[in-house]
Amino acid sequence: MTNSPAQPAATAAWLLVAVLFSLVVALLAILLKVNEGERLGAALPSAAVAFAGSMALCVPTLTAGGLL
């Protein structure tokens, strides 16, 4: 592994992957809450927490891997 910074296009691509992955996690959180009988409006805070938590894990992981 090299210590050179990632190229801007590669950085943007990896950030897009992290955002899309986090959106899938948020969608799954909504589906689980709605399946439990919650209304969509009541499920949105859970989706926001799931998205934020997923991004909070993805960004440092990609940074540690030298991809960002």
C-alpha atoms as a PDB file:
ATOM      1  CA  MET A   1       0.000   0.000   0.000  1.00  0.00           C
ATOM      2  CA  THR A   2       1.299   3.446  -0.843  1.00  0.00           C
ATOM      3  CA  ASN A   3       1.010   6.578   1.200  1.00  0.00           C
ATOM      4  CA  SER A   4       0.028   8.787  -1.734  1.00  0.00           C
ATOM      5  CA  PRO A   5      -3.367  10.467  -1.545  1.00  0.00           C
ATOM      6  CA  ALA A   6      -6.202   9.004  -3.571  1.00  0.00           C
ATOM      7  CA  GLN A   7      -7.172  10.568  -6.876  1.00  0.00           C
ATOM      8  CA  PRO A   8     -10.199  12.912  -6.746  1.00  0.00           C
ATOM      9  CA  ALA A   9     -12.292  10.697  -9.039  1.00  0.00           C
ATOM     10  CA  ALA A  10     -11.554   7.603  -6.962  1.00  0.00           C
ATOM     11  CA  THR A  11     -12.353   9.495  -3.762  1.00  0.00           C
ATOM     12  CA  ALA A  12     -15.690  10.642  -5.180  1.00  0.00           C
ATOM     13  CA  ALA A  13     -16.487   7.107  -6.331  1.00  0.00           C
ATOM     14  CA  TRP A  14     -15.757   5.621  -2.907  1.00  0.00           C
ATOM     15  CA  LEU A  15     -17.835   8.319  -1.202  1.00  0.00           C
ATOM     16  CA  LEU A  16     -20.689   7.496  -3.569  1.00  0.00           C
ATOM     17  CA  VAL A  17     -20.384   3.822  -2.629  1.00  0.00           C
ATOM     18  CA  ALA A  18     -20.511   4.755   1.068  1.00  0.00           C
ATOM     19  CA  VAL A  19     -23.596   6.939   0.561  1.00  0.00           C
ATOM     20  CA  LEU A  20     -25.410   4.282  -1.473  1.00  0.00           C
ATOM     21  CA  PHE A  21     -24.583   1.607   1.104  1.00  0.00           C
ATOM     22  CA  SER A  22     -25.871   3.877   3.866  1.00  0.00           C
ATOM     23  CA  LEU A  23     -29.065   4.523   1.914  1.00  0.00           C
ATOM     24  CA  VAL A  24     -29.640   0.776   1.666  1.00  0.00           C
ATOM     25  CA  VAL A  25     -29.134   0.461   5.418  1.00  0.00           C
ATOM     26  CA  ALA A  26     -31.614   3.307   6.014  1.00  0.00           C
ATOM     27  CA  LEU A  27     -34.137   1.684   3.674  1.00  0.00           C
ATOM     28  CA  LEU A  28     -33.811  -1.593   5.560  1.00  0.00           C
ATOM     29  CA  ALA A  29     -34.389   0.254   8.830  1.00  0.00           C
ATOM     30  CA  ILE A  30     -37.578   1.787   7.420  1.00  0.00           C
ATOM     31  CA  LEU A  31     -38.777  -1.575   6.129  1.00  0.00           C
ATOM     32  CA  LEU A  32     -38.201  -3.204   9.502  1.00  0.00           C
ATOM     33  CA  LYS A  33     -40.045  -0.452  11.365  1.00  0.00           C
ATOM     34  CA  VAL A  34     -42.988  -0.440   8.956  1.00  0.00           C
ATOM     35  CA  ASN A  35     -43.139  -4.226   9.168  1.00  0.00           C
ATOM     36  CA  GLU A  36     -43.460  -3.883  12.955  1.00  0.00           C
ATOM     37  CA  GLY A  37     -46.532  -1.693  12.452  1.00  0.00           C
ATOM     38  CA  GLU A  38     -44.997   1.769  12.724  1.00  0.00           C
ATOM     39  CA  ARG A  39     -46.165   4.556  10.446  1.00  0.00           C
ATOM     40  CA  LEU A  40     -43.725   5.866   7.868  1.00  0.00           C
ATOM     41  CA  GLY A  41     -43.329   9.167   9.697  1.00  0.00           C
ATOM     42  CA  ALA A  42     -42.449   7.376  12.904  1.00  0.00           C
ATOM     43  CA  ALA A  43     -39.902   5.199  11.088  1.00  0.00           C
ATOM     44  CA  LEU A  44     -37.943   8.102   9.578  1.00  0.00           C
ATOM     45  CA  PRO A  45     -35.904   8.902  12.714  1.00  0.00           C
ATOM     46  CA  SER A  46     -34.725   5.297  12.817  1.00  0.00           C
ATOM     47  CA  ALA A  47     -33.703   5.542   9.181  1.00  0.00           C
ATOM     48  CA  ALA A  48     -31.786   8.751   9.874  1.00  0.00           C
ATOM     49  CA  VAL A  49     -29.911   7.128  12.745  1.00  0.00           C
ATOM     50  CA  ALA A  50     -29.158   4.076  10.593  1.00  0.00           C
ATOM     51  CA  PHE A  51     -27.864   6.272   7.753  1.00  0.00           C
ATOM     52  CA  ALA A  52     -25.710   8.392  10.052  1.00  0.00           C
ATOM     53  CA  GLY A  53     -24.333   5.364  11.862  1.00  0.00           C
ATOM     54  CA  SER A  54     -23.501   3.613   8.628  1.00  0.00           C
ATOM     55  CA  MET A  55     -21.721   6.686   7.262  1.00  0.00           C
ATOM     56  CA  ALA A  56     -19.911   7.049  10.582  1.00  0.00           C
ATOM     57  CA  LEU A  57     -18.533   3.547  10.056  1.00  0.00           C
ATOM     58  CA  CYS A  58     -17.888   3.755   6.307  1.00  0.00           C
ATOM     59  CA  VAL A  59     -15.917   7.003   6.138  1.00  0.00           C
ATOM     60  CA  PRO A  60     -13.277   6.113   8.776  1.00  0.00           C
ATOM     61  CA  THR A  61     -12.978   2.621   7.337  1.00  0.00           C
ATOM     62  CA  LEU A  62     -12.337   3.966   3.840  1.00  0.00           C
ATOM     63  CA  THR A  63      -9.927   6.546   5.247  1.00  0.00           C
ATOM     64  CA  ALA A  64      -7.987   3.896   7.162  1.00  0.00           C
ATOM     65  CA  GLY A  65      -7.810   1.810   4.008  1.00  0.00           C
ATOM     66  CA  GLY A  66      -6.264   4.728   2.144  1.00  0.00           C
ATOM     67  CA  LEU A  67      -9.185   5.000  -0.253  1.00  0.00           C
ATOM     68  CA  LEU A  68     -10.188   8.527   0.765  1.00  0.00           C
END
